[in-house]
């Protein structure tokens, strides 16, 4: 079985099923969905906290950053305009994943 550039929840659910010796795909999919929903809920409930970090040891961390607007010159009209404030959620891989990024 060759994997394409994108893999999804089905592959993760299949691996969870085999590791936990679950009897059905539905149980594995429910576990994966529950974990992902918990991560999304935690980040969205703390989206207003600048610098909030959700760390998952051995995997990575999600960091919420607030970026203020800044003055930009529009190329077409030449007008200077203030951009809107933004909130960014950034994922930073930890340990083993970061080592895999390096190409020697």
Protein backbone atom coordinates (compact mmCIF):
# COMPACT_ATOMS: atom_id res chain seq x y z
CA UNK A 1 0.00 0.00 0.00
CA UNK A 2 1.56 3.27 -1.11
CA UNK A 3 0.52 6.50 0.50
CA UNK A 4 -0.12 9.68 -1.41
CA UNK A 5 0.88 13.16 -0.33
CA UNK A 6 -2.20 13.43 1.89
CA UNK A 7 -3.40 10.91 4.43
CA UNK A 8 -6.32 11.45 6.70
CA UNK A 9 -8.38 10.35 9.59
CA UNK A 10 -9.02 6.91 8.08
CA UNK A 11 -5.34 5.95 8.21
CA UNK A 12 -4.99 7.23 11.77
CA UNK A 13 -8.15 5.38 12.84
CA UNK A 14 -6.80 2.17 11.28
CA UNK A 15 -3.54 2.50 13.23
CA UNK A 16 -5.41 3.28 16.46
CA UNK A 17 -7.59 0.20 15.93
CA UNK A 18 -4.59 -2.07 15.47
CA UNK A 19 -2.61 -0.64 18.43
CA UNK A 20 -5.56 -0.74 20.86
CA UNK A 21 -6.94 -4.04 19.50
CA UNK A 22 -10.39 -2.55 18.96
CA UNK A 23 -13.15 -4.64 17.43
CA UNK A 24 -14.47 -2.10 14.91
CA UNK A 25 -13.47 0.83 12.76
CA UNK A 26 -16.30 2.83 14.31
CA UNK A 27 -14.70 2.66 17.78
CA UNK A 28 -11.32 3.73 16.45
CA UNK A 29 -12.84 6.60 14.46
CA UNK A 30 -14.75 7.71 17.56
CA UNK A 31 -11.52 7.82 19.61
CA UNK A 32 -9.68 9.82 16.93
CA UNK A 33 -12.60 12.23 16.57
CA UNK A 34 -12.84 12.71 20.34
CA UNK A 35 -9.13 13.51 20.69
CA UNK A 36 -9.13 15.94 17.75
CA UNK A 37 -12.29 17.67 18.99
CA UNK A 38 -10.72 18.09 22.44
CA UNK A 39 -7.61 19.72 20.92
CA UNK A 40 -9.67 22.07 18.75
CA UNK A 41 -11.97 22.97 21.65
CA UNK A 42 -9.04 23.79 23.93
CA UNK A 43 -7.35 26.02 21.34
CA UNK A 44 -10.58 27.81 20.37
CA UNK A 45 -11.56 28.42 23.99
CA UNK A 46 -8.17 30.08 24.58
CA UNK A 47 -7.88 31.91 21.25
CA UNK A 48 -8.17 35.29 23.02
CA UNK A 49 -5.15 34.57 25.26
CA UNK A 50 -1.98 35.84 23.60
CA UNK A 51 0.85 33.36 24.11
CA UNK A 52 -1.42 30.41 24.99
CA UNK A 53 0.45 27.13 24.41
CA UNK A 54 -1.02 23.63 24.18
CA UNK A 55 1.89 21.21 24.42
CA UNK A 56 1.55 17.55 23.41
CA UNK A 57 4.78 15.86 24.57
CA UNK A 58 6.64 14.00 21.83
CA UNK A 59 4.43 15.49 19.11
CA UNK A 60 4.43 19.27 19.18
CA UNK A 61 2.74 22.35 20.52
CA UNK A 62 0.13 24.81 19.34
CA UNK A 63 0.86 28.46 20.10
CA UNK A 64 -1.66 31.32 19.82
CA UNK A 65 -0.12 34.64 18.78
CA UNK A 66 -1.81 38.00 18.45
CA UNK A 67 -0.35 40.20 15.75
CA UNK A 68 -1.22 43.90 15.68
CA UNK A 69 -2.14 45.63 12.45
CA UNK A 70 0.44 47.71 10.68
CA UNK A 71 0.62 50.47 8.11
CA UNK A 72 0.86 49.16 4.54
CA UNK A 73 1.04 50.99 1.23
CA UNK A 74 -1.38 49.64 -1.36
CA UNK A 75 0.56 49.11 -4.60
CA UNK A 76 -2.27 49.96 -7.00
CA UNK A 77 -3.45 53.24 -5.46
CA UNK A 78 -0.43 54.26 -3.40
CA UNK A 79 -2.63 54.87 -0.35
CA UNK A 80 -1.31 54.04 3.10
CA UNK A 81 -3.75 51.95 5.09
CA UNK A 82 -3.82 50.20 8.48
CA UNK A 83 -4.23 46.40 8.27
CA UNK A 84 -6.46 44.58 10.72
CA UNK A 85 -5.25 42.80 13.85
CA UNK A 86 -4.79 39.04 13.50
CA UNK A 87 -4.72 35.98 15.70
CA UNK A 88 -2.52 33.14 14.48
CA UNK A 89 -2.36 29.54 15.66
CA UNK A 90 1.03 28.04 14.91
CA UNK A 91 2.09 24.40 15.21
CA UNK A 92 5.68 23.76 16.28
CA UNK A 93 6.85 20.15 15.96
CA UNK A 94 8.90 18.71 18.82
CA UNK A 95 11.77 16.21 19.11
CA UNK A 96 11.48 13.37 16.58
CA UNK A 97 9.43 15.33 14.04
CA UNK A 98 11.92 18.19 14.04
CA UNK A 99 14.79 15.75 13.45
CA UNK A 100 12.96 14.38 10.38
CA UNK A 101 12.85 17.87 8.83
CA UNK A 102 16.64 17.95 8.48
CA UNK A 103 18.02 16.65 5.20
CA UNK A 104 21.63 15.57 5.19
